[in-house]
Amino acid sequence: MTHLLFLRAVNLGKTNKVPMKLLMAAMEREGLGQASYLLQSGNVIVSATELNAVELKRRTEALVLDEFGVNTVAIGRTPQDLARVMATNPYTAPAGGTVHVAFWDEVPEPASLAALGAESFTDAQLTLIGNEAYMRYEGSTHTSKLSNALLERRLKVPTTARNVRTLERLLALETVTAGL
């Protein structure tokens, strides 16, 4: 079974440093499966694992804390889940803008989801589908009020966001497509 783990808030500038090559070696040493990654931003692919998704996430979070002193949340998806997320994406990126998808595993309160879905933003659009938020930015994500931090405040669950271009690259990897 192949699992994708999105590590929340790792390798952001000078904080929460998790050297991905060292993490991959530690994951394999600890018997979590065959581990690889895309970029330094916490996109982990684990194949040939016998662990279920919950146990893999829990053990990866503990390993990141033990090895690197970073407290992170691993949010998991299967290759099939990611393909569904990409097929469901209601947006295309505008010129000068981007589209991001935020993921969460915990269950937000229905009222929190409804309130967030009703919000509007001057420079971005938001669509909530399942355990994902699709965010289309007209310009920079750094100046928008719509952010991962806002999602976490409104939903009261850990979330992590990725650029759609990164997700497309993940889906193109042989280790991921083999899991489809």
N, C-alpha and C. Protein backbone atom coordinates (compact mmCIF):
# COMPACT_ATOMS: atom_id res chain seq x y z
N MET A 1 0.84 -1.18 0.00
CA MET A 1 0.00 0.00 0.00
C MET A 1 0.88 1.24 0.00
N THR A 2 0.50 2.23 -0.75
CA THR A 2 1.23 3.50 -0.81
C THR A 2 0.42 4.57 -0.09
N HIS A 3 1.13 5.36 0.70
CA HIS A 3 0.52 6.47 1.43
C HIS A 3 1.29 7.75 1.14
N LEU A 4 0.58 8.85 1.09
CA LEU A 4 1.20 10.17 0.99
C LEU A 4 1.01 10.85 2.34
N LEU A 5 2.07 11.43 2.85
CA LEU A 5 1.99 12.19 4.09
C LEU A 5 2.42 13.62 3.81
N PHE A 6 1.58 14.56 4.21
CA PHE A 6 1.90 15.97 4.10
C PHE A 6 2.23 16.45 5.51
N LEU A 7 3.51 16.74 5.74
CA LEU A 7 3.94 17.20 7.05
C LEU A 7 3.65 18.68 7.18
N ARG A 8 2.99 19.05 8.26
CA ARG A 8 2.58 20.42 8.48
C ARG A 8 3.74 21.26 9.01
N ALA A 9 3.97 22.40 8.35
CA ALA A 9 4.88 23.45 8.84
C ALA A 9 6.31 22.98 9.08
N VAL A 10 6.86 22.20 8.15
CA VAL A 10 8.27 21.85 8.26
C VAL A 10 9.08 22.62 7.21
N ASN A 11 10.32 22.89 7.55
CA ASN A 11 11.27 23.56 6.66
C ASN A 11 10.77 24.91 6.15
N LEU A 12 10.21 25.67 7.06
CA LEU A 12 9.75 27.02 6.74
C LEU A 12 10.85 28.00 7.14
N GLY A 13 11.59 28.48 6.16
CA GLY A 13 12.69 29.38 6.49
C GLY A 13 13.69 28.68 7.41
N LYS A 14 13.96 29.31 8.54
CA LYS A 14 14.94 28.76 9.47
C LYS A 14 14.29 27.95 10.59
N THR A 15 12.98 27.75 10.52
CA THR A 15 12.30 27.04 11.61
C THR A 15 11.85 25.65 11.17
N ASN A 16 11.69 24.80 12.18
CA ASN A 16 11.17 23.44 11.99
C ASN A 16 11.93 22.66 10.92
N LYS A 17 13.25 22.68 11.03
CA LYS A 17 14.10 22.00 10.05
C LYS A 17 13.99 20.48 10.16
N VAL A 18 13.61 19.87 9.07
CA VAL A 18 13.55 18.41 8.95
C VAL A 18 14.24 18.05 7.65
N PRO A 19 15.52 17.66 7.71
CA PRO A 19 16.21 17.26 6.48
C PRO A 19 15.55 16.01 5.89
N MET A 20 14.98 16.18 4.72
CA MET A 20 14.15 15.11 4.17
C MET A 20 14.94 13.83 3.88
N LYS A 21 16.17 13.94 3.39
CA LYS A 21 16.96 12.72 3.14
C LYS A 21 17.18 11.95 4.44
N LEU A 22 17.46 12.67 5.52
CA LEU A 22 17.67 12.00 6.81
C LEU A 22 16.37 11.40 7.32
N LEU A 23 15.26 12.09 7.10
CA LEU A 23 13.96 11.54 7.51
C LEU A 23 13.66 10.26 6.75
N MET A 24 13.93 10.24 5.44
CA MET A 24 13.65 9.04 4.65
C MET A 24 14.46 7.85 5.19
N ALA A 25 15.73 8.10 5.49
CA ALA A 25 16.57 7.03 6.03
C ALA A 25 16.05 6.56 7.38
N ALA A 26 15.62 7.49 8.23
CA ALA A 26 15.10 7.13 9.55
C ALA A 26 13.80 6.34 9.42
N MET A 27 12.94 6.73 8.49
CA MET A 27 11.68 6.01 8.30
C MET A 27 11.93 4.57 7.86
N GLU A 28 12.88 4.40 6.95
CA GLU A 28 13.19 3.04 6.50
C GLU A 28 13.85 2.24 7.61
N ARG A 29 14.75 2.88 8.36
CA ARG A 29 15.42 2.21 9.48
C ARG A 29 14.41 1.74 10.52
N GLU A 30 13.37 2.53 10.74
CA GLU A 30 12.34 2.20 11.73
C GLU A 30 11.25 1.28 11.19
N GLY A 31 11.39 0.85 9.94
CA GLY A 31 10.45 -0.11 9.37
C GLY A 31 9.11 0.46 8.97
N LEU A 32 9.09 1.77 8.63
CA LEU A 32 7.82 2.39 8.24
C LEU A 32 7.47 2.13 6.78
N GLY A 33 8.43 1.65 5.99
CA GLY A 33 8.19 1.38 4.58
C GLY A 33 9.28 2.02 3.74
N GLN A 34 9.13 1.91 2.43
CA GLN A 34 10.07 2.55 1.51
C GLN A 34 9.65 4.01 1.37
N ALA A 35 10.52 4.91 1.81
CA ALA A 35 10.16 6.32 1.87
C ALA A 35 10.91 7.14 0.83
N SER A 36 10.17 8.07 0.24
CA SER A 36 10.78 9.05 -0.68
C SER A 36 10.04 10.36 -0.47
N TYR A 37 10.51 11.40 -1.14
CA TYR A 37 9.89 12.71 -0.93
C TYR A 37 9.95 13.55 -2.20
N LEU A 38 9.14 14.57 -2.22
CA LEU A 38 9.17 15.57 -3.28
C LEU A 38 9.34 16.92 -2.61
N LEU A 39 10.38 17.61 -2.94
CA LEU A 39 10.70 18.92 -2.39
C LEU A 39 11.01 18.82 -0.90
N GLN A 40 11.44 19.92 -0.31
CA GLN A 40 11.80 19.95 1.10
C GLN A 40 10.62 20.33 1.99
N SER A 41 9.45 20.50 1.41
CA SER A 41 8.31 21.05 2.15
C SER A 41 7.43 20.01 2.83
N GLY A 42 7.94 18.80 2.99
CA GLY A 42 7.20 17.81 3.76
C GLY A 42 6.23 16.96 2.98
N ASN A 43 6.53 16.66 1.73
CA ASN A 43 5.70 15.78 0.90
C ASN A 43 6.36 14.41 0.88
N VAL A 44 5.83 13.48 1.64
CA VAL A 44 6.45 12.17 1.83
C VAL A 44 5.60 11.10 1.16
N ILE A 45 6.27 10.20 0.44
CA ILE A 45 5.61 9.06 -0.18
C ILE A 45 6.14 7.81 0.51
N VAL A 46 5.25 6.99 1.03
CA VAL A 46 5.66 5.76 1.69
C VAL A 46 5.00 4.60 0.97
N SER A 47 5.83 3.75 0.39
CA SER A 47 5.30 2.57 -0.29
C SER A 47 5.79 1.32 0.44
N ALA A 48 5.22 0.21 0.08
CA ALA A 48 5.58 -1.08 0.66
C ALA A 48 5.51 -1.05 2.19
N THR A 49 4.50 -0.39 2.71
CA THR A 49 4.32 -0.37 4.16
C THR A 49 3.21 -1.32 4.54
N GLU A 50 3.38 -1.94 5.69
CA GLU A 50 2.33 -2.80 6.21
C GLU A 50 1.53 -2.09 7.29
N LEU A 51 1.87 -0.84 7.57
CA LEU A 51 1.16 -0.07 8.58
C LEU A 51 -0.11 0.52 8.00
N ASN A 52 -1.14 0.63 8.83
CA ASN A 52 -2.33 1.33 8.37
C ASN A 52 -2.06 2.84 8.42
N ALA A 53 -2.94 3.60 7.82
CA ALA A 53 -2.71 5.04 7.68
C ALA A 53 -2.54 5.74 9.02
N VAL A 54 -3.35 5.39 9.99
CA VAL A 54 -3.30 6.06 11.29
C VAL A 54 -1.98 5.75 12.00
N GLU A 55 -1.58 4.49 11.98
CA GLU A 55 -0.32 4.10 12.63
C GLU A 55 0.89 4.72 11.92
N LEU A 56 0.87 4.76 10.60
CA LEU A 56 1.96 5.38 9.85
C LEU A 56 2.09 6.86 10.20
N LYS A 57 0.97 7.57 10.25
CA LYS A 57 1.01 8.98 10.61
C LYS A 57 1.54 9.17 12.03
N ARG A 58 1.02 8.40 12.98
CA ARG A 58 1.43 8.52 14.37
C ARG A 58 2.92 8.25 14.54
N ARG A 59 3.41 7.19 13.91
CA ARG A 59 4.83 6.84 14.05
C ARG A 59 5.73 7.84 13.33
N THR A 60 5.26 8.39 12.21
CA THR A 60 6.05 9.40 11.51
C THR A 60 6.15 10.67 12.34
N GLU A 61 5.05 11.11 12.92
CA GLU A 61 5.07 12.30 13.78
C GLU A 61 6.03 12.11 14.95
N ALA A 62 5.98 10.94 15.58
CA ALA A 62 6.88 10.64 16.71
C ALA A 62 8.34 10.62 16.26
N LEU A 63 8.59 10.05 15.09
CA LEU A 63 9.95 9.98 14.57
C LEU A 63 10.51 11.37 14.27
N VAL A 64 9.71 12.24 13.67
CA VAL A 64 10.15 13.61 13.38
C VAL A 64 10.49 14.33 14.69
N LEU A 65 9.68 14.12 15.71
CA LEU A 65 9.95 14.75 17.01
C LEU A 65 11.22 14.18 17.64
N ASP A 66 11.35 12.86 17.63
CA ASP A 66 12.52 12.22 18.25
C ASP A 66 13.83 12.55 17.52
N GLU A 67 13.80 12.50 16.20
CA GLU A 67 15.02 12.68 15.40
C GLU A 67 15.43 14.15 15.23
N PHE A 68 14.43 15.04 15.09
CA PHE A 68 14.73 16.42 14.71
C PHE A 68 14.19 17.46 15.67
N GLY A 69 13.47 17.02 16.70
CA GLY A 69 12.93 17.95 17.68
C GLY A 69 11.82 18.83 17.15
N VAL A 70 11.17 18.39 16.07
CA VAL A 70 10.10 19.18 15.46
C VAL A 70 8.77 18.50 15.72
N ASN A 71 7.85 19.26 16.29
CA ASN A 71 6.50 18.77 16.54
C ASN A 71 5.65 19.11 15.31
N THR A 72 5.28 18.11 14.54
CA THR A 72 4.50 18.32 13.33
C THR A 72 3.29 17.40 13.32
N VAL A 73 2.38 17.69 12.42
CA VAL A 73 1.23 16.83 12.18
C VAL A 73 1.39 16.28 10.77
N ALA A 74 1.22 14.97 10.63
CA ALA A 74 1.24 14.33 9.32
C ALA A 74 -0.20 14.13 8.88
N ILE A 75 -0.54 14.68 7.74
CA ILE A 75 -1.88 14.53 7.19
C ILE A 75 -1.78 13.58 6.00
N GLY A 76 -2.57 12.53 6.02
CA GLY A 76 -2.39 11.46 5.05
C GLY A 76 -3.45 11.38 3.98
N ARG A 77 -3.01 10.92 2.82
CA ARG A 77 -3.90 10.62 1.70
C ARG A 77 -3.30 9.43 0.95
N THR A 78 -4.15 8.70 0.26
CA THR A 78 -3.68 7.65 -0.65
C THR A 78 -3.49 8.27 -2.03
N PRO A 79 -2.80 7.58 -2.93
CA PRO A 79 -2.73 8.08 -4.31
C PRO A 79 -4.12 8.26 -4.93
N GLN A 80 -5.05 7.36 -4.61
CA GLN A 80 -6.41 7.49 -5.12
C GLN A 80 -7.08 8.75 -4.59
N ASP A 81 -6.86 9.04 -3.31
CA ASP A 81 -7.40 10.26 -2.72
C ASP A 81 -6.87 11.48 -3.44
N LEU A 82 -5.56 11.50 -3.69
CA LEU A 82 -4.96 12.67 -4.34
C LEU A 82 -5.48 12.82 -5.77
N ALA A 83 -5.65 11.72 -6.48
CA ALA A 83 -6.21 11.79 -7.83
C ALA A 83 -7.63 12.36 -7.79
N ARG A 84 -8.42 11.96 -6.80
CA ARG A 84 -9.77 12.50 -6.63
C ARG A 84 -9.72 13.99 -6.32
N VAL A 85 -8.81 14.38 -5.44
CA VAL A 85 -8.67 15.80 -5.09
C VAL A 85 -8.37 16.62 -6.34
N MET A 86 -7.47 16.14 -7.17
CA MET A 86 -7.09 16.88 -8.37
C MET A 86 -8.23 16.90 -9.38
N ALA A 87 -8.96 15.80 -9.50
CA ALA A 87 -10.08 15.76 -10.44
C ALA A 87 -11.23 16.65 -9.97
N THR A 88 -11.35 16.85 -8.68
CA THR A 88 -12.43 17.66 -8.09
C THR A 88 -12.09 19.15 -8.07
N ASN A 89 -10.83 19.49 -8.26
CA ASN A 89 -10.39 20.89 -8.18
C ASN A 89 -11.25 21.78 -9.09
N PRO A 90 -11.97 22.74 -8.49
CA PRO A 90 -12.86 23.57 -9.31
C PRO A 90 -12.16 24.77 -9.97
N TYR A 91 -10.87 24.94 -9.73
CA TYR A 91 -10.20 26.16 -10.16
C TYR A 91 -9.06 25.91 -11.14
N THR A 92 -8.80 26.94 -11.94
CA THR A 92 -7.55 27.04 -12.69
C THR A 92 -6.84 28.27 -12.17
N ALA A 93 -5.55 28.26 -12.24
CA ALA A 93 -4.78 29.40 -11.72
C ALA A 93 -4.89 30.59 -12.66
N PRO A 94 -5.18 31.76 -12.11
CA PRO A 94 -5.21 32.96 -12.95
C PRO A 94 -3.80 33.43 -13.26
N ALA A 95 -3.66 34.27 -14.28
CA ALA A 95 -2.35 34.85 -14.58
C ALA A 95 -1.86 35.59 -13.34
N GLY A 96 -0.67 35.27 -12.89
CA GLY A 96 -0.11 35.91 -11.72
C GLY A 96 -0.61 35.37 -10.40
N GLY A 97 -1.43 34.34 -10.43
CA GLY A 97 -1.97 33.78 -9.19
C GLY A 97 -1.71 32.28 -9.10
N THR A 98 -2.26 31.67 -8.09
CA THR A 98 -2.04 30.24 -7.87
C THR A 98 -3.31 29.60 -7.32
N VAL A 99 -3.30 28.28 -7.32
CA VAL A 99 -4.34 27.49 -6.67
C VAL A 99 -3.65 26.57 -5.67
N HIS A 100 -4.19 26.55 -4.46
CA HIS A 100 -3.67 25.68 -3.41
C HIS A 100 -4.80 24.80 -2.91
N VAL A 101 -4.41 23.67 -2.34
CA VAL A 101 -5.37 22.78 -1.68
C VAL A 101 -4.87 22.58 -0.25
N ALA A 102 -5.76 22.79 0.70
CA ALA A 102 -5.45 22.51 2.10
C ALA A 102 -6.13 21.20 2.49
N PHE A 103 -5.43 20.42 3.29
CA PHE A 103 -5.89 19.10 3.71
C PHE A 103 -6.03 19.06 5.23
N TRP A 104 -6.97 18.27 5.71
CA TRP A 104 -7.07 17.97 7.13
C TRP A 104 -7.63 16.58 7.29
N ASP A 105 -7.28 15.94 8.42
CA ASP A 105 -7.75 14.59 8.71
C ASP A 105 -8.80 14.57 9.82
N GLU A 106 -8.69 15.49 10.77
CA GLU A 106 -9.65 15.52 11.87
C GLU A 106 -10.99 16.08 11.37
N VAL A 107 -12.03 15.87 12.15
CA VAL A 107 -13.37 16.29 11.72
C VAL A 107 -13.72 17.63 12.36
N PRO A 108 -13.84 18.68 11.53
CA PRO A 108 -14.25 19.98 12.08
C PRO A 108 -15.74 19.97 12.42
N GLU A 109 -16.12 20.88 13.28
CA GLU A 109 -17.54 21.05 13.59
C GLU A 109 -18.28 21.48 12.33
N PRO A 110 -19.45 20.91 12.03
CA PRO A 110 -20.21 21.31 10.84
C PRO A 110 -20.48 22.82 10.79
N ALA A 111 -20.77 23.43 11.94
CA ALA A 111 -21.03 24.87 11.96
C ALA A 111 -19.78 25.65 11.57
N SER A 112 -18.61 25.17 11.96
CA SER A 112 -17.35 25.84 11.59
C SER A 112 -17.12 25.76 10.08
N LEU A 113 -17.40 24.60 9.52
CA LEU A 113 -17.27 24.43 8.06
C LEU A 113 -18.24 25.36 7.33
N ALA A 114 -19.46 25.39 7.79
CA ALA A 114 -20.47 26.24 7.14
C ALA A 114 -20.08 27.72 7.22
N ALA A 115 -19.61 28.14 8.39
CA ALA A 115 -19.22 29.55 8.55
C ALA A 115 -18.03 29.89 7.66
N LEU A 116 -17.05 29.01 7.59
CA LEU A 116 -15.89 29.26 6.73
C LEU A 116 -16.32 29.31 5.27
N GLY A 117 -17.17 28.38 4.86
CA GLY A 117 -17.63 28.34 3.48
C GLY A 117 -18.41 29.59 3.08
N ALA A 118 -19.00 30.25 4.04
CA ALA A 118 -19.79 31.47 3.76
C ALA A 118 -18.92 32.73 3.69
N GLU A 119 -17.66 32.63 4.13
CA GLU A 119 -16.79 33.80 4.10
C GLU A 119 -16.40 34.14 2.67
N SER A 120 -16.13 35.44 2.44
CA SER A 120 -15.63 35.85 1.12
C SER A 120 -14.35 36.64 1.31
N PHE A 121 -13.55 36.63 0.29
CA PHE A 121 -12.22 37.27 0.32
C PHE A 121 -12.08 38.11 -0.94
N THR A 122 -11.48 39.27 -0.80
CA THR A 122 -11.38 40.20 -1.93
C THR A 122 -10.41 39.70 -2.99
N ASP A 123 -9.41 38.92 -2.60
CA ASP A 123 -8.36 38.52 -3.54
C ASP A 123 -8.26 37.01 -3.73
N ALA A 124 -9.28 36.27 -3.26
CA ALA A 124 -9.19 34.82 -3.34
C ALA A 124 -10.59 34.22 -3.31
N GLN A 125 -10.69 33.01 -3.83
CA GLN A 125 -11.93 32.24 -3.74
C GLN A 125 -11.65 30.97 -2.95
N LEU A 126 -12.67 30.49 -2.26
CA LEU A 126 -12.55 29.31 -1.42
C LEU A 126 -13.70 28.37 -1.71
N THR A 127 -13.38 27.09 -1.91
CA THR A 127 -14.40 26.06 -2.05
C THR A 127 -14.01 24.91 -1.12
N LEU A 128 -14.96 24.48 -0.30
CA LEU A 128 -14.74 23.36 0.61
C LEU A 128 -15.42 22.12 0.06
N ILE A 129 -14.65 21.05 -0.10
CA ILE A 129 -15.19 19.77 -0.58
C ILE A 129 -14.55 18.67 0.25
N GLY A 130 -15.36 17.95 1.00
CA GLY A 130 -14.83 16.87 1.83
C GLY A 130 -13.85 17.40 2.87
N ASN A 131 -12.69 16.78 2.94
CA ASN A 131 -11.64 17.20 3.89
C ASN A 131 -10.58 18.04 3.20
N GLU A 132 -11.02 18.84 2.23
CA GLU A 132 -10.09 19.72 1.52
C GLU A 132 -10.71 21.09 1.32
N ALA A 133 -9.83 22.07 1.28
CA ALA A 133 -10.21 23.44 0.93
C ALA A 133 -9.43 23.80 -0.33
N TYR A 134 -10.14 24.18 -1.37
CA TYR A 134 -9.53 24.62 -2.62
C TYR A 134 -9.49 26.15 -2.57
N MET A 135 -8.31 26.71 -2.79
CA MET A 135 -8.12 28.15 -2.66
C MET A 135 -7.49 28.70 -3.93
N ARG A 136 -8.18 29.63 -4.56
CA ARG A 136 -7.69 30.27 -5.79
C ARG A 136 -7.30 31.70 -5.44
N TYR A 137 -6.04 32.02 -5.65
CA TYR A 137 -5.51 33.33 -5.32
C TYR A 137 -5.30 34.15 -6.58
N GLU A 138 -5.76 35.38 -6.58
CA GLU A 138 -5.57 36.29 -7.71
C GLU A 138 -4.13 36.77 -7.82
N GLY A 139 -3.45 36.82 -6.69
CA GLY A 139 -2.06 37.29 -6.65
C GLY A 139 -1.29 36.48 -5.63
N SER A 140 -0.52 37.14 -4.81
CA SER A 140 0.33 36.48 -3.82
C SER A 140 -0.50 35.86 -2.70
N THR A 141 -0.11 34.67 -2.31
CA THR A 141 -0.75 34.03 -1.16
C THR A 141 -0.32 34.73 0.13
N HIS A 142 0.83 35.36 0.11
CA HIS A 142 1.38 35.97 1.33
C HIS A 142 0.62 37.21 1.79
N THR A 143 -0.10 37.85 0.88
CA THR A 143 -0.83 39.06 1.25
C THR A 143 -2.33 38.82 1.41
N SER A 144 -2.77 37.62 1.13
CA SER A 144 -4.20 37.31 1.22
C SER A 144 -4.61 37.01 2.66
N LYS A 145 -5.84 37.36 2.99
CA LYS A 145 -6.38 37.00 4.30
C LYS A 145 -6.72 35.51 4.36
N LEU A 146 -6.92 34.89 3.19
CA LEU A 146 -7.19 33.46 3.13
C LEU A 146 -5.86 32.72 3.22
N SER A 147 -5.67 32.03 4.32
CA SER A 147 -4.39 31.35 4.56
C SER A 147 -4.64 30.05 5.31
N ASN A 148 -3.60 29.24 5.39
CA ASN A 148 -3.69 28.01 6.16
C ASN A 148 -3.96 28.33 7.64
N ALA A 149 -3.33 29.38 8.14
CA ALA A 149 -3.56 29.78 9.53
C ALA A 149 -5.03 30.14 9.76
N LEU A 150 -5.65 30.83 8.82
CA LEU A 150 -7.06 31.17 8.95
C LEU A 150 -7.91 29.90 8.96
N LEU A 151 -7.60 28.97 8.07
CA LEU A 151 -8.35 27.71 8.05
C LEU A 151 -8.27 27.01 9.41
N GLU A 152 -7.08 26.95 9.98
CA GLU A 152 -6.92 26.29 11.27
C GLU A 152 -7.69 27.01 12.38
N ARG A 153 -7.66 28.34 12.35
CA ARG A 153 -8.41 29.09 13.37
C ARG A 153 -9.92 28.85 13.23
N ARG A 154 -10.41 28.85 12.00
CA ARG A 154 -11.85 28.69 11.78
C ARG A 154 -12.32 27.25 12.03
N LEU A 155 -11.54 26.30 11.55
CA LEU A 155 -11.96 24.89 11.64
C LEU A 155 -11.55 24.22 12.94
N LYS A 156 -10.54 24.77 13.60
CA LYS A 156 -10.04 24.22 14.87
C LYS A 156 -9.51 22.79 14.71
N VAL A 157 -8.90 22.53 13.55
CA VAL A 157 -8.21 21.27 13.28
C VAL A 157 -6.90 21.60 12.55
N PRO A 158 -5.88 20.75 12.68
CA PRO A 158 -4.64 20.99 11.94
C PRO A 158 -4.89 20.84 10.43
N THR A 159 -4.34 21.77 9.67
CA THR A 159 -4.43 21.72 8.21
C THR A 159 -3.05 22.00 7.63
N THR A 160 -2.85 21.60 6.40
CA THR A 160 -1.64 21.97 5.68
C THR A 160 -2.01 22.13 4.22
N ALA A 161 -1.39 23.10 3.58
CA ALA A 161 -1.76 23.43 2.19
C ALA A 161 -0.59 23.17 1.25
N ARG A 162 -0.94 22.83 0.01
CA ARG A 162 0.05 22.62 -1.03
C ARG A 162 -0.42 23.30 -2.31
N ASN A 163 0.53 23.80 -3.07
CA ASN A 163 0.26 24.37 -4.38
C ASN A 163 -0.18 23.22 -5.30
N VAL A 164 -1.13 23.48 -6.17
CA VAL A 164 -1.61 22.45 -7.09
C VAL A 164 -0.49 21.95 -7.99
N ARG A 165 0.43 22.81 -8.35
CA ARG A 165 1.57 22.36 -9.18
C ARG A 165 2.37 21.28 -8.46
N THR A 166 2.55 21.41 -7.16
CA THR A 166 3.25 20.39 -6.38
C THR A 166 2.45 19.10 -6.37
N LEU A 167 1.15 19.20 -6.20
CA LEU A 167 0.31 18.00 -6.19
C LEU A 167 0.32 17.30 -7.55
N GLU A 168 0.35 18.07 -8.63
CA GLU A 168 0.46 17.48 -9.97
C GLU A 168 1.78 16.73 -10.12
N ARG A 169 2.85 17.32 -9.60
CA ARG A 169 4.16 16.65 -9.65
C ARG A 169 4.15 15.36 -8.84
N LEU A 170 3.49 15.38 -7.68
CA LEU A 170 3.37 14.16 -6.88
C LEU A 170 2.65 13.07 -7.65
N LEU A 171 1.54 13.43 -8.28
CA LEU A 171 0.76 12.44 -9.02
C LEU A 171 1.52 11.87 -10.22
N ALA A 172 2.51 12.59 -10.70
CA ALA A 172 3.28 12.12 -11.85
C ALA A 172 4.42 11.17 -11.44
N LEU A 173 4.71 11.08 -10.16
CA LEU A 173 5.81 10.21 -9.71
C LEU A 173 5.42 8.74 -9.86
N GLU A 174 6.36 7.94 -10.32
CA GLU A 174 6.11 6.52 -10.53
C GLU A 174 5.69 5.81 -9.23
N THR A 175 6.30 6.19 -8.12
CA THR A 175 5.94 5.54 -6.85
C THR A 175 4.49 5.85 -6.47
N VAL A 176 3.98 7.00 -6.91
CA VAL A 176 2.59 7.36 -6.61
C VAL A 176 1.64 6.72 -7.62
N THR A 177 1.98 6.80 -8.91
CA THR A 177 1.10 6.23 -9.93
C THR A 177 0.99 4.71 -9.78
N ALA A 178 2.03 4.07 -9.26
CA ALA A 178 1.96 2.62 -9.02
C ALA A 178 0.89 2.28 -7.98
N GLY A 179 0.57 3.27 -7.11
CA GLY A 179 -0.45 3.05 -6.09
C GLY A 179 -1.86 3.33 -6.55
N LEU A 180 -2.01 3.78 -7.80
CA LEU A 180 -3.36 4.08 -8.32
C LEU A 180 -4.07 2.83 -8.80
